Amino acid sequence: MPRNPIPSPIRTTPDDQGFATAEAAVTLPALMAVLAVSVGVVVSVGAQLRCVDAARVGARAAARGDTDATVRAATVAVAPRGARVTISRRGDKIEVRVQASVLATRVLPAVQVGGLAVAESESR
């Protein structure tokens, strides 16, 4: 019976040396870019949800008949830092709009997010 030969170690030629280093040098920046974009998306979605929640809080407060200063304070407490709050009243309808500029990473540009809530006044 013939014996199975022991596989010889892989031999590299001088041209093959360093190929893993070159691949890593190309792959790592691409992975970092994907990571930066992923973090940016997560931060932006979180800020968007906070804007929507803040607008809802403000609309509920305004529907109860709270003053604009109280509505603004309640809205700003929930909104992302630096958010702009706009309260408008048209008849029995109260509209609260929250807008914010989110800078997730230093690499990506700022993203504009916002939320809008409309409620009907309960005090007629």
PDB file of N, CA and C in Angstrom:
ATOM      1  N   MET A   1       0.813  -1.177   0.000  1.00  0.00           N
ATOM      2  CA  MET A   1       0.000   0.000   0.000  1.00  0.00           C
ATOM      3  C   MET A   1       0.863   1.249   0.000  1.00  0.00           C
ATOM      4  N   PRO A   2       0.554   2.194  -0.896  1.00  0.00           N
ATOM      5  CA  PRO A   2       1.358   3.418  -0.919  1.00  0.00           C
ATOM      6  C   PRO A   2       0.982   4.320   0.241  1.00  0.00           C
ATOM      7  N   ARG A   3       1.965   4.952   0.751  1.00  0.00           N
ATOM      8  CA  ARG A   3       1.735   5.887   1.856  1.00  0.00           C
ATOM      9  C   ARG A   3       1.327   7.242   1.302  1.00  0.00           C
ATOM     10  N   ASN A   4       0.459   7.920   2.061  1.00  0.00           N
ATOM     11  CA  ASN A   4       0.073   9.278   1.659  1.00  0.00           C
ATOM     12  C   ASN A   4       1.233  10.214   1.968  1.00  0.00           C
ATOM     13  N   PRO A   5       1.635  10.953   0.993  1.00  0.00           N
ATOM     14  CA  PRO A   5       2.739  11.875   1.261  1.00  0.00           C
ATOM     15  C   PRO A   5       2.272  13.001   2.177  1.00  0.00           C
ATOM     16  N   ILE A   6       3.147  13.455   2.995  1.00  0.00           N
ATOM     17  CA  ILE A   6       2.858  14.583   3.881  1.00  0.00           C
ATOM     18  C   ILE A   6       2.887  15.848   3.039  1.00  0.00           C
ATOM     19  N   PRO A   7       1.824  16.652   3.146  1.00  0.00           N
ATOM     20  CA  PRO A   7       1.812  17.864   2.314  1.00  0.00           C
ATOM     21  C   PRO A   7       2.963  18.778   2.696  1.00  0.00           C
ATOM     22  N   SER A   8       3.565  19.329   1.700  1.00  0.00           N
ATOM     23  CA  SER A   8       4.683  20.234   1.944  1.00  0.00           C
ATOM     24  C   SER A   8       4.145  21.617   2.317  1.00  0.00           C
ATOM     25  N   PRO A   9       4.909  22.377   3.085  1.00  0.00           N
ATOM     26  CA  PRO A   9       4.455  23.724   3.431  1.00  0.00           C
ATOM     27  C   PRO A   9       4.298  24.576   2.180  1.00  0.00           C
ATOM     28  N   ILE A  10       3.403  25.510   2.258  1.00  0.00           N
ATOM     29  CA  ILE A  10       3.161  26.392   1.111  1.00  0.00           C
ATOM     30  C   ILE A  10       4.387  27.256   0.899  1.00  0.00           C
ATOM     31  N   ARG A  11       4.802  27.271  -0.292  1.00  0.00           N
ATOM     32  CA  ARG A  11       5.975  28.067  -0.625  1.00  0.00           C
ATOM     33  C   ARG A  11       5.509  29.323  -1.353  1.00  0.00           C
ATOM     34  N   THR A  12       6.062  30.414  -0.948  1.00  0.00           N
ATOM     35  CA  THR A  12       5.708  31.666  -1.601  1.00  0.00           C
ATOM     36  C   THR A  12       6.859  32.146  -2.446  1.00  0.00           C
ATOM     37  N   THR A  13       6.500  32.803  -3.484  1.00  0.00           N
ATOM     38  CA  THR A  13       7.515  33.420  -4.326  1.00  0.00           C
ATOM     39  C   THR A  13       7.710  34.848  -3.841  1.00  0.00           C
ATOM     40  N   PRO A  14       8.770  35.481  -4.176  1.00  0.00           N
ATOM     41  CA  PRO A  14       8.984  36.867  -3.737  1.00  0.00           C
ATOM     42  C   PRO A  14       7.857  37.803  -4.158  1.00  0.00           C
ATOM     43  N   ASP A  15       7.147  37.478  -5.241  1.00  0.00           N
ATOM     44  CA  ASP A  15       6.050  38.340  -5.695  1.00  0.00           C
ATOM     45  C   ASP A  15       4.833  38.252  -4.775  1.00  0.00           C
ATOM     46  N   ASP A  16       4.644  37.144  -4.064  1.00  0.00           N
ATOM     47  CA  ASP A  16       3.478  36.952  -3.216  1.00  0.00           C
ATOM     48  C   ASP A  16       3.639  37.544  -1.824  1.00  0.00           C
ATOM     49  N   GLN A  17       4.806  37.863  -1.417  1.00  0.00           N
ATOM     50  CA  GLN A  17       5.008  38.341  -0.055  1.00  0.00           C
ATOM     51  C   GLN A  17       4.396  39.738   0.106  1.00  0.00           C
ATOM     52  N   GLY A  18       3.651  39.920   1.192  1.00  0.00           N
ATOM     53  CA  GLY A  18       3.048  41.210   1.484  1.00  0.00           C
ATOM     54  C   GLY A  18       1.665  41.400   0.896  1.00  0.00           C
ATOM     55  N   PHE A  19       1.094  40.382   0.262  1.00  0.00           N
ATOM     56  CA  PHE A  19      -0.219  40.563  -0.340  1.00  0.00           C
ATOM     57  C   PHE A  19      -1.294  40.768   0.724  1.00  0.00           C
ATOM     58  N   ALA A  20      -1.173  40.137   1.876  1.00  0.00           N
ATOM     59  CA  ALA A  20      -2.157  40.318   2.942  1.00  0.00           C
ATOM     60  C   ALA A  20      -2.107  41.743   3.491  1.00  0.00           C
ATOM     61  N   THR A  21      -0.945  42.307   3.568  1.00  0.00           N
ATOM     62  CA  THR A  21      -0.805  43.682   4.039  1.00  0.00           C
ATOM     63  C   THR A  21      -1.488  44.645   3.074  1.00  0.00           C
ATOM     64  N   ALA A  22      -1.323  44.430   1.802  1.00  0.00           N
ATOM     65  CA  ALA A  22      -1.956  45.291   0.801  1.00  0.00           C
ATOM     66  C   ALA A  22      -3.474  45.166   0.850  1.00  0.00           C
ATOM     67  N   GLU A  23      -3.974  43.955   1.015  1.00  0.00           N
ATOM     68  CA  GLU A  23      -5.421  43.763   1.103  1.00  0.00           C
ATOM     69  C   GLU A  23      -5.982  44.423   2.354  1.00  0.00           C
ATOM     70  N   ALA A  24      -5.280  44.300   3.450  1.00  0.00           N
ATOM     71  CA  ALA A  24      -5.731  44.937   4.688  1.00  0.00           C
ATOM     72  C   ALA A  24      -5.713  46.455   4.554  1.00  0.00           C
ATOM     73  N   ALA A  25      -4.734  46.984   3.867  1.00  0.00           N
ATOM     74  CA  ALA A  25      -4.644  48.431   3.681  1.00  0.00           C
ATOM     75  C   ALA A  25      -5.806  48.954   2.859  1.00  0.00           C
ATOM     76  N   VAL A  26      -6.356  48.149   1.988  1.00  0.00           N
ATOM     77  CA  VAL A  26      -7.508  48.554   1.184  1.00  0.00           C
ATOM     78  C   VAL A  26      -8.814  48.298   1.941  1.00  0.00           C
ATOM     79  N   THR A  27      -8.877  47.214   2.684  1.00  0.00           N
ATOM     80  CA  THR A  27     -10.112  46.810   3.346  1.00  0.00           C
ATOM     81  C   THR A  27     -10.419  47.649   4.581  1.00  0.00           C
ATOM     82  N   LEU A  28      -9.446  47.965   5.388  1.00  0.00           N
ATOM     83  CA  LEU A  28      -9.707  48.687   6.633  1.00  0.00           C
ATOM     84  C   LEU A  28     -10.364  50.056   6.432  1.00  0.00           C
ATOM     85  N   PRO A  29      -9.923  50.885   5.495  1.00  0.00           N
ATOM     86  CA  PRO A  29     -10.633  52.155   5.284  1.00  0.00           C
ATOM     87  C   PRO A  29     -12.083  51.955   4.831  1.00  0.00           C
ATOM     88  N   ALA A  30     -12.311  50.929   4.014  1.00  0.00           N
ATOM     89  CA  ALA A  30     -13.682  50.646   3.583  1.00  0.00           C
ATOM     90  C   ALA A  30     -14.549  50.235   4.767  1.00  0.00           C
ATOM     91  N   LEU A  31     -14.016  49.412   5.649  1.00  0.00           N
ATOM     92  CA  LEU A  31     -14.761  49.011   6.845  1.00  0.00           C
ATOM     93  C   LEU A  31     -15.024  50.192   7.766  1.00  0.00           C
ATOM     94  N   MET A  32     -14.061  51.085   7.890  1.00  0.00           N
ATOM     95  CA  MET A  32     -14.253  52.277   8.725  1.00  0.00           C
ATOM     96  C   MET A  32     -15.333  53.181   8.142  1.00  0.00           C
ATOM     97  N   ALA A  33     -15.389  53.293   6.825  1.00  0.00           N
ATOM     98  CA  ALA A  33     -16.429  54.101   6.180  1.00  0.00           C
ATOM     99  C   ALA A  33     -17.810  53.499   6.422  1.00  0.00           C
ATOM    100  N   VAL A  34     -17.914  52.185   6.305  1.00  0.00           N
ATOM    101  CA  VAL A  34     -19.185  51.513   6.578  1.00  0.00           C
ATOM    102  C   VAL A  34     -19.588  51.710   8.033  1.00  0.00           C
ATOM    103  N   LEU A  35     -18.641  51.624   8.945  1.00  0.00           N
ATOM    104  CA  LEU A  35     -18.930  51.835  10.360  1.00  0.00           C
ATOM    105  C   LEU A  35     -19.401  53.269  10.621  1.00  0.00           C
ATOM    106  N   ALA A  36     -18.741  54.250  10.017  1.00  0.00           N
ATOM    107  CA  ALA A  36     -19.120  55.655  10.206  1.00  0.00           C
ATOM    108  C   ALA A  36     -20.530  55.911   9.684  1.00  0.00           C
ATOM    109  N   VAL A  37     -20.856  55.373   8.526  1.00  0.00           N
ATOM    110  CA  VAL A  37     -22.200  55.539   7.968  1.00  0.00           C
ATOM    111  C   VAL A  37     -23.232  54.847   8.848  1.00  0.00           C
ATOM    112  N   SER A  38     -22.917  53.667   9.346  1.00  0.00           N
ATOM    113  CA  SER A  38     -23.850  52.938  10.217  1.00  0.00           C
ATOM    114  C   SER A  38     -24.124  53.717  11.501  1.00  0.00           C
ATOM    115  N   VAL A  39     -23.083  54.253  12.111  1.00  0.00           N
ATOM    116  CA  VAL A  39     -23.266  55.050  13.330  1.00  0.00           C
ATOM    117  C   VAL A  39     -24.088  56.291  13.010  1.00  0.00           C
ATOM    118  N   GLY A  40     -23.829  56.923  11.882  1.00  0.00           N
ATOM    119  CA  GLY A  40     -24.588  58.097  11.483  1.00  0.00           C
ATOM    120  C   GLY A  40     -26.067  57.804  11.302  1.00  0.00           C
ATOM    121  N   VAL A  41     -26.371  56.677  10.703  1.00  0.00           N
ATOM    122  CA  VAL A  41     -27.776  56.297  10.506  1.00  0.00           C
ATOM    123  C   VAL A  41     -28.460  56.053  11.846  1.00  0.00           C
ATOM    124  N   VAL A  42     -27.817  55.344  12.737  1.00  0.00           N
ATOM    125  CA  VAL A  42     -28.412  55.045  14.046  1.00  0.00           C
ATOM    126  C   VAL A  42     -28.660  56.334  14.836  1.00  0.00           C
ATOM    127  N   VAL A  43     -27.682  57.237  14.840  1.00  0.00           N
ATOM    128  CA  VAL A  43     -27.832  58.496  15.569  1.00  0.00           C
ATOM    129  C   VAL A  43     -28.937  59.348  14.952  1.00  0.00           C
ATOM    130  N   SER A  44     -29.009  59.386  13.627  1.00  0.00           N
ATOM    131  CA  SER A  44     -30.031  60.180  12.949  1.00  0.00           C
ATOM    132  C   SER A  44     -31.433  59.640  13.205  1.00  0.00           C
ATOM    133  N   VAL A  45     -31.585  58.339  13.166  1.00  0.00           N
ATOM    134  CA  VAL A  45     -32.898  57.736  13.433  1.00  0.00           C
ATOM    135  C   VAL A  45     -33.312  58.004  14.881  1.00  0.00           C
ATOM    136  N   GLY A  46     -32.374  57.911  15.810  1.00  0.00           N
ATOM    137  CA  GLY A  46     -32.693  58.217  17.210  1.00  0.00           C
ATOM    138  C   GLY A  46     -33.134  59.653  17.390  1.00  0.00           C
ATOM    139  N   ALA A  47     -32.461  60.584  16.732  1.00  0.00           N
ATOM    140  CA  ALA A  47     -32.844  61.994  16.821  1.00  0.00           C
ATOM    141  C   ALA A  47     -34.205  62.236  16.172  1.00  0.00           C
ATOM    142  N   GLN A  48     -34.475  61.548  15.066  1.00  0.00           N
ATOM    143  CA  GLN A  48     -35.781  61.672  14.408  1.00  0.00           C
ATOM    144  C   GLN A  48     -36.896  61.224  15.353  1.00  0.00           C
ATOM    145  N   LEU A  49     -36.692  60.116  16.022  1.00  0.00           N
ATOM    146  CA  LEU A  49     -37.703  59.613  16.965  1.00  0.00           C
ATOM    147  C   LEU A  49     -37.901  60.576  18.134  1.00  0.00           C
ATOM    148  N   ARG A  50     -36.819  61.170  18.610  1.00  0.00           N
ATOM    149  CA  ARG A  50     -36.944  62.151  19.699  1.00  0.00           C
ATOM    150  C   ARG A  50     -37.708  63.385  19.236  1.00  0.00           C
ATOM    151  N   CYS A  51     -37.514  63.805  17.995  1.00  0.00           N
ATOM    152  CA  CYS A  51     -38.272  64.948  17.464  1.00  0.00           C
ATOM    153  C   CYS A  51     -39.759  64.632  17.386  1.00  0.00           C
ATOM    154  N   VAL A  52     -40.098  63.450  16.924  1.00  0.00           N
ATOM    155  CA  VAL A  52     -41.502  63.051  16.836  1.00  0.00           C
ATOM    156  C   VAL A  52     -42.115  62.979  18.234  1.00  0.00           C
ATOM    157  N   ASP A  53     -41.403  62.378  19.172  1.00  0.00           N
ATOM    158  CA  ASP A  53     -41.904  62.300  20.546  1.00  0.00           C
ATOM    159  C   ASP A  53     -42.079  63.684  21.155  1.00  0.00           C
ATOM    160  N   ALA A  54     -41.127  64.567  20.922  1.00  0.00           N
ATOM    161  CA  ALA A  54     -41.213  65.924  21.468  1.00  0.00           C
ATOM    162  C   ALA A  54     -42.404  66.665  20.886  1.00  0.00           C
ATOM    163  N   ALA A  55     -42.643  66.508  19.589  1.00  0.00           N
ATOM    164  CA  ALA A  55     -43.792  67.164  18.965  1.00  0.00           C
ATOM    165  C   ALA A  55     -45.098  66.642  19.551  1.00  0.00           C
ATOM    166  N   ARG A  56     -45.174  65.360  19.810  1.00  0.00           N
ATOM    167  CA  ARG A  56     -46.382  64.787  20.415  1.00  0.00           C
ATOM    168  C   ARG A  56     -46.605  65.318  21.825  1.00  0.00           C
ATOM    169  N   VAL A  57     -45.532  65.402  22.603  1.00  0.00           N
ATOM    170  CA  VAL A  57     -45.641  65.936  23.969  1.00  0.00           C
ATOM    171  C   VAL A  57     -46.146  67.379  23.918  1.00  0.00           C
ATOM    172  N   GLY A  58     -45.577  68.158  23.012  1.00  0.00           N
ATOM    173  CA  GLY A  58     -45.996  69.547  22.882  1.00  0.00           C
ATOM    174  C   GLY A  58     -47.435  69.683  22.432  1.00  0.00           C
ATOM    175  N   ALA A  59     -47.851  68.862  21.481  1.00  0.00           N
ATOM    176  CA  ALA A  59     -49.233  68.927  20.992  1.00  0.00           C
ATOM    177  C   ALA A  59     -50.223  68.540  22.083  1.00  0.00           C
ATOM    178  N   ARG A  60     -49.884  67.538  22.884  1.00  0.00           N
ATOM    179  CA  ARG A  60     -50.780  67.165  23.991  1.00  0.00           C
ATOM    180  C   ARG A  60     -50.890  68.284  25.009  1.00  0.00           C
ATOM    181  N   ALA A  61     -49.762  68.906  25.338  1.00  0.00           N
ATOM    182  CA  ALA A  61     -49.774  70.010  26.299  1.00  0.00           C
ATOM    183  C   ALA A  61     -50.581  71.185  25.750  1.00  0.00           C
ATOM    184  N   ALA A  62     -50.415  71.480  24.482  1.00  0.00           N
ATOM    185  CA  ALA A  62     -51.166  72.590  23.876  1.00  0.00           C
ATOM    186  C   ALA A  62     -52.655  72.273  23.815  1.00  0.00           C
ATOM    187  N   ALA A  63     -53.007  71.023  23.553  1.00  0.00           N
ATOM    188  CA  ALA A  63     -54.421  70.638  23.496  1.00  0.00           C
ATOM    189  C   ALA A  63     -55.092  70.770  24.854  1.00  0.00           C
ATOM    190  N   ARG A  64     -54.323  70.572  25.924  1.00  0.00           N
ATOM    191  CA  ARG A  64     -54.881  70.730  27.279  1.00  0.00           C
ATOM    192  C   ARG A  64     -55.143  72.190  27.609  1.00  0.00           C
ATOM    193  N   GLY A  65     -54.557  73.100  26.847  1.00  0.00           N
ATOM    194  CA  GLY A  65     -54.746  74.517  27.101  1.00  0.00           C
ATOM    195  C   GLY A  65     -53.563  75.169  27.790  1.00  0.00           C
ATOM    196  N   ASP A  66     -52.416  74.508  27.833  1.00  0.00           N
ATOM    197  CA  ASP A  66     -51.223  75.107  28.444  1.00  0.00           C
ATOM    198  C   ASP A  66     -50.761  76.300  27.610  1.00  0.00           C
ATOM    199  N   THR A  67     -50.052  77.203  28.247  1.00  0.00           N
ATOM    200  CA  THR A  67     -49.521  78.372  27.547  1.00  0.00           C
ATOM    201  C   THR A  67     -48.413  77.940  26.585  1.00  0.00           C
ATOM    202  N   ASP A  68     -48.098  78.821  25.636  1.00  0.00           N
ATOM    203  CA  ASP A  68     -47.044  78.502  24.671  1.00  0.00           C
ATOM    204  C   ASP A  68     -45.696  78.302  25.356  1.00  0.00           C
ATOM    205  N   ALA A  69     -45.426  79.056  26.404  1.00  0.00           N
ATOM    206  CA  ALA A  69     -44.155  78.905  27.126  1.00  0.00           C
ATOM    207  C   ALA A  69     -44.067  77.524  27.777  1.00  0.00           C
ATOM    208  N   THR A  70     -45.168  77.054  28.339  1.00  0.00           N
ATOM    209  CA  THR A  70     -45.195  75.727  28.961  1.00  0.00           C
ATOM    210  C   THR A  70     -45.068  74.633  27.900  1.00  0.00           C
ATOM    211  N   VAL A  71     -45.762  74.827  26.787  1.00  0.00           N
ATOM    212  CA  VAL A  71     -45.685  73.860  25.689  1.00  0.00           C
ATOM    213  C   VAL A  71     -44.256  73.782  25.168  1.00  0.00           C
ATOM    214  N   ARG A  72     -43.626  74.948  24.974  1.00  0.00           N
ATOM    215  CA  ARG A  72     -42.253  74.984  24.464  1.00  0.00           C
ATOM    216  C   ARG A  72     -41.291  74.305  25.446  1.00  0.00           C
ATOM    217  N   ALA A  73     -41.465  74.572  26.740  1.00  0.00           N
ATOM    218  CA  ALA A  73     -40.587  73.963  27.748  1.00  0.00           C
ATOM    219  C   ALA A  73     -40.742  72.442  27.765  1.00  0.00           C
ATOM    220  N   ALA A  74     -41.973  71.955  27.665  1.00  0.00           N
ATOM    221  CA  ALA A  74     -42.213  70.504  27.652  1.00  0.00           C
ATOM    222  C   ALA A  74     -41.626  69.868  26.396  1.00  0.00           C
ATOM    223  N   THR A  75     -41.724  70.573  25.289  1.00  0.00           N
ATOM    224  CA  THR A  75     -41.218  70.046  24.022  1.00  0.00           C
ATOM    225  C   THR A  75     -39.691  70.009  24.012  1.00  0.00           C
ATOM    226  N   VAL A  76     -39.072  71.095  24.473  1.00  0.00           N
ATOM    227  CA  VAL A  76     -37.611  71.172  24.483  1.00  0.00           C
ATOM    228  C   VAL A  76     -37.014  70.134  25.431  1.00  0.00           C
ATOM    229  N   ALA A  77     -37.733  69.790  26.490  1.00  0.00           N
ATOM    230  CA  ALA A  77     -37.226  68.798  27.440  1.00  0.00           C
ATOM    231  C   ALA A  77     -37.062  67.420  26.796  1.00  0.00           C
ATOM    232  N   VAL A  78     -37.869  67.126  25.789  1.00  0.00           N
ATOM    233  CA  VAL A  78     -37.814  65.810  25.133  1.00  0.00           C
ATOM    234  C   VAL A  78     -36.994  65.855  23.842  1.00  0.00           C
ATOM    235  N   ALA A  79     -36.938  67.003  23.204  1.00  0.00           N
ATOM    236  CA  ALA A  79     -36.294  67.147  21.891  1.00  0.00           C
ATOM    237  C   ALA A  79     -34.775  67.018  21.993  1.00  0.00           C
ATOM    238  N   PRO A  80     -34.125  66.718  20.864  1.00  0.00           N
ATOM    239  CA  PRO A  80     -32.658  66.704  20.846  1.00  0.00           C
ATOM    240  C   PRO A  80     -32.104  68.098  21.134  1.00  0.00           C
ATOM    241  N   ARG A  81     -30.869  68.147  21.591  1.00  0.00           N
ATOM    242  CA  ARG A  81     -30.222  69.421  21.917  1.00  0.00           C
ATOM    243  C   ARG A  81     -30.162  70.322  20.682  1.00  0.00           C
ATOM    244  N   GLY A  82     -30.526  71.588  20.874  1.00  0.00           N
ATOM    245  CA  GLY A  82     -30.465  72.561  19.791  1.00  0.00           C
ATOM    246  C   GLY A  82     -31.648  72.522  18.843  1.00  0.00           C
ATOM    247  N   ALA A  83     -32.703  71.808  19.193  1.00  0.00           N
ATOM    248  CA  ALA A  83     -33.872  71.697  18.310  1.00  0.00           C
ATOM    249  C   ALA A  83     -34.653  73.010  18.278  1.00  0.00           C
ATOM    250  N   ARG A  84     -35.270  73.268  17.143  1.00  0.00           N
ATOM    251  CA  ARG A  84     -36.138  74.435  16.979  1.00  0.00           C
ATOM    252  C   ARG A  84     -37.583  73.983  17.110  1.00  0.00           C
ATOM    253  N   VAL A  85     -38.357  74.700  17.915  1.00  0.00           N
ATOM    254  CA  VAL A  85     -39.752  74.352  18.159  1.00  0.00           C
ATOM    255  C   VAL A  85     -40.629  75.457  17.607  1.00  0.00           C
ATOM    256  N   THR A  86     -41.632  75.073  16.803  1.00  0.00           N
ATOM    257  CA  THR A  86     -42.589  76.016  16.251  1.00  0.00           C
ATOM    258  C   THR A  86     -43.988  75.582  16.663  1.00  0.00           C
ATOM    259  N   ILE A  87     -44.730  76.512  17.257  1.00  0.00           N
ATOM    260  CA  ILE A  87     -46.105  76.235  17.685  1.00  0.00           C
ATOM    261  C   ILE A  87     -47.016  77.156  16.891  1.00  0.00           C
ATOM    262  N   SER A  88     -47.980  76.578  16.202  1.00  0.00           N
ATOM    263  CA  SER A  88     -48.938  77.406  15.464  1.00  0.00           C
ATOM    264  C   SER A  88     -50.348  76.928  15.775  1.00  0.00           C
ATOM    265  N   ARG A  89     -51.241  77.893  15.847  1.00  0.00           N
ATOM    266  CA  ARG A  89     -52.649  77.604  16.154  1.00  0.00           C
ATOM    267  C   ARG A  89     -53.507  78.128  15.019  1.00  0.00           C
ATOM    268  N   ARG A  90     -54.394  77.293  14.551  1.00  0.00           N
ATOM    269  CA  ARG A  90     -55.363  77.661  13.508  1.00  0.00           C
ATOM    270  C   ARG A  90     -56.725  77.170  13.959  1.00  0.00           C
ATOM    271  N   GLY A  91     -57.482  78.057  14.523  1.00  0.00           N
ATOM    272  CA  GLY A  91     -58.782  77.659  15.053  1.00  0.00           C
ATOM    273  C   GLY A  91     -58.599  76.721  16.231  1.00  0.00           C
ATOM    274  N   ASP A  92     -59.215  75.555  16.153  1.00  0.00           N
ATOM    275  CA  ASP A  92     -59.074  74.555  17.220  1.00  0.00           C
ATOM    276  C   ASP A  92     -57.858  73.649  17.028  1.00  0.00           C
ATOM    277  N   LYS A  93     -57.188  73.751  15.902  1.00  0.00           N
ATOM    278  CA  LYS A  93     -56.033  72.892  15.604  1.00  0.00           C
ATOM    279  C   LYS A  93     -54.748  73.533  16.110  1.00  0.00           C
ATOM    280  N   ILE A  94     -53.937  72.728  16.758  1.00  0.00           N
ATOM    281  CA  ILE A  94     -52.631  73.162  17.248  1.00  0.00           C
ATOM    282  C   ILE A  94     -51.589  72.283  16.572  1.00  0.00           C
ATOM    283  N   GLU A  95     -50.599  72.943  15.978  1.00  0.00           N
ATOM    284  CA  GLU A  95     -49.537  72.222  15.281  1.00  0.00           C
ATOM    285  C   GLU A  95     -48.211  72.519  15.966  1.00  0.00           C
ATOM    286  N   VAL A  96     -47.513  71.462  16.338  1.00  0.00           N
ATOM    287  CA  VAL A  96     -46.194  71.605  16.959  1.00  0.00           C
ATOM    288  C   VAL A  96     -45.186  70.926  16.039  1.00  0.00           C
ATOM    289  N   ARG A  97     -44.198  71.706  15.615  1.00  0.00           N
ATOM    290  CA  ARG A  97     -43.155  71.197  14.720  1.00  0.00           C
ATOM    291  C   ARG A  97     -41.808  71.302  15.436  1.00  0.00           C
ATOM    292  N   VAL A  98     -41.038  70.221  15.405  1.00  0.00           N
ATOM    293  CA  VAL A  98     -39.708  70.179  16.025  1.00  0.00           C
ATOM    294  C   VAL A  98     -38.710  69.814  14.933  1.00  0.00           C
ATOM    295  N   GLN A  99     -37.665  70.643  14.781  1.00  0.00           N
ATOM    296  CA  GLN A  99     -36.633  70.383  13.787  1.00  0.00           C
ATOM    297  C   GLN A  99     -35.267  70.479  14.451  1.00  0.00           C
ATOM    298  N   ALA A 100     -34.375  69.593  14.039  1.00  0.00           N
ATOM    299  CA  ALA A 100     -33.030  69.586  14.613  1.00  0.00           C
ATOM    300  C   ALA A 100     -32.014  69.232  13.536  1.00  0.00           C
ATOM    301  N   SER A 101     -30.817  69.709  13.734  1.00  0.00           N
ATOM    302  CA  SER A 101     -29.686  69.369  12.873  1.00  0.00           C
ATOM    303  C   SER A 101     -28.798  68.413  13.667  1.00  0.00           C
ATOM    304  N   VAL A 102     -28.544  67.237  13.107  1.00  0.00           N
ATOM    305  CA  VAL A 102     -27.807  66.194  13.807  1.00  0.00           C
ATOM    306  C   VAL A 102     -26.463  65.980  13.128  1.00  0.00           C
ATOM    307  N   LEU A 103     -25.398  66.110  13.886  1.00  0.00           N
ATOM    308  CA  LEU A 103     -24.052  65.828  13.402  1.00  0.00           C
ATOM    309  C   LEU A 103     -23.605  64.536  14.083  1.00  0.00           C
ATOM    310  N   ALA A 104     -23.732  63.421  13.368  1.00  0.00           N
ATOM    311  CA  ALA A 104     -23.459  62.111  13.958  1.00  0.00           C
ATOM    312  C   ALA A 104     -21.964  61.861  14.124  1.00  0.00           C
ATOM    313  N   THR A 105     -21.208  62.139  13.094  1.00  0.00           N
ATOM    314  CA  THR A 105     -19.763  61.953  13.142  1.00  0.00           C
ATOM    315  C   THR A 105     -19.099  63.148  12.471  1.00  0.00           C
ATOM    316  N   ARG A 106     -17.843  63.309  12.700  1.00  0.00           N
ATOM    317  CA  ARG A 106     -17.115  64.423  12.076  1.00  0.00           C
ATOM    318  C   ARG A 106     -16.924  64.210  10.586  1.00  0.00           C
ATOM    319  N   VAL A 107     -17.045  62.982  10.148  1.00  0.00           N
ATOM    320  CA  VAL A 107     -16.806  62.646   8.748  1.00  0.00           C
ATOM    321  C   VAL A 107     -18.040  62.941   7.893  1.00  0.00           C
ATOM    322  N   LEU A 108     -19.225  62.694   8.433  1.00  0.00           N
ATOM    323  CA  LEU A 108     -20.460  62.848   7.675  1.00  0.00           C
ATOM    324  C   LEU A 108     -21.033  64.248   7.847  1.00  0.00           C
ATOM    325  N   PRO A 109     -21.783  64.733   6.857  1.00  0.00           N
ATOM    326  CA  PRO A 109     -22.415  66.044   7.000  1.00  0.00           C
ATOM    327  C   PRO A 109     -23.593  65.973   7.969  1.00  0.00           C
ATOM    328  N   ALA A 110     -24.028  67.133   8.433  1.00  0.00           N
ATOM    329  CA  ALA A 110     -25.176  67.200   9.339  1.00  0.00           C
ATOM    330  C   ALA A 110     -26.438  66.762   8.599  1.00  0.00           C
ATOM    331  N   VAL A 111     -27.340  66.138   9.331  1.00  0.00           N
ATOM    332  CA  VAL A 111     -28.605  65.658   8.786  1.00  0.00           C
ATOM    333  C   VAL A 111     -29.735  66.431   9.462  1.00  0.00           C
ATOM    334  N   GLN A 112     -30.702  66.883   8.678  1.00  0.00           N
ATOM    335  CA  GLN A 112     -31.860  67.588   9.219  1.00  0.00           C
ATOM    336  C   GLN A 112     -32.958  66.567   9.509  1.00  0.00           C
ATOM    337  N   VAL A 113     -33.447  66.557  10.746  1.00  0.00           N
ATOM    338  CA  VAL A 113     -34.540  65.669  11.136  1.00  0.00           C
ATOM    339  C   VAL A 113     -35.638  66.512  11.759  1.00  0.00           C
ATOM    340  N   GLY A 114     -36.827  65.965  11.820  1.00  0.00           N
ATOM    341  CA  GLY A 114     -37.922  66.731  12.400  1.00  0.00           C
ATOM    342  C   GLY A 114     -39.131  65.870  12.682  1.00  0.00           C
ATOM    343  N   GLY A 115     -40.047  66.473  13.412  1.00  0.00           N
ATOM    344  CA  GLY A 115     -41.288  65.803  13.740  1.00  0.00           C
ATOM    345  C   GLY A 115     -42.417  66.811  13.764  1.00  0.00           C
ATOM    346  N   LEU A 116     -43.609  66.346  13.485  1.00  0.00           N
ATOM    347  CA  LEU A 116     -44.781  67.198  13.449  1.00  0.00           C
ATOM    348  C   LEU A 116     -45.924  66.475  14.137  1.00  0.00           C
ATOM    349  N   ALA A 117     -46.643  67.200  14.986  1.00  0.00           N
ATOM    350  CA  ALA A 117     -47.824  66.639  15.634  1.00  0.00           C
ATOM    351  C   ALA A 117     -48.921  67.685  15.610  1.00  0.00           C
ATOM    352  N   VAL A 118     -50.132  67.238  15.350  1.00  0.00           N
ATOM    353  CA  VAL A 118     -51.295  68.118  15.301  1.00  0.00           C
ATOM    354  C   VAL A 118     -52.317  67.573  16.295  1.00  0.00           C
ATOM    355  N   ALA A 119     -52.881  68.486  17.075  1.00  0.00           N
ATOM    356  CA  ALA A 119     -53.901  68.095  18.041  1.00  0.00           C
ATOM    357  C   ALA A 119     -55.033  69.100  17.984  1.00  0.00           C
ATOM    358  N   GLU A 120     -56.195  68.678  18.450  1.00  0.00           N
ATOM    359  CA  GLU A 120     -57.343  69.556  18.527  1.00  0.00           C
ATOM    360  C   GLU A 120     -57.500  70.023  19.949  1.00  0.00           C
ATOM    361  N   SER A 121     -57.764  71.300  20.106  1.00  0.00           N
ATOM    362  CA  SER A 121     -57.884  71.880  21.446  1.00  0.00           C
ATOM    363  C   SER A 121     -59.028  71.236  22.212  1.00  0.00           C
ATOM    364  N   GLU A 122     -58.762  70.879  23.459  1.00  0.00           N
ATOM    365  CA  GLU A 122     -59.776  70.274  24.300  1.00  0.00           C
ATOM    366  C   GLU A 122     -60.627  71.326  25.015  1.00  0.00           C
ATOM    367  N   SER A 123     -60.122  72.535  25.107  1.00  0.00           N
ATOM    368  CA  SER A 123     -60.852  73.592  25.806  1.00  0.00           C
ATOM    369  C   SER A 123     -61.603  74.443  24.780  1.00  0.00           C
ATOM    370  N   ARG A 124     -62.893  74.176  24.664  1.00  0.00           N
ATOM    371  CA  ARG A 124     -63.712  74.902  23.680  1.00  0.00           C
ATOM    372  C   ARG A 124     -64.619  75.869  24.362  1.00  0.00           C
TER     373      ARG A 124
END
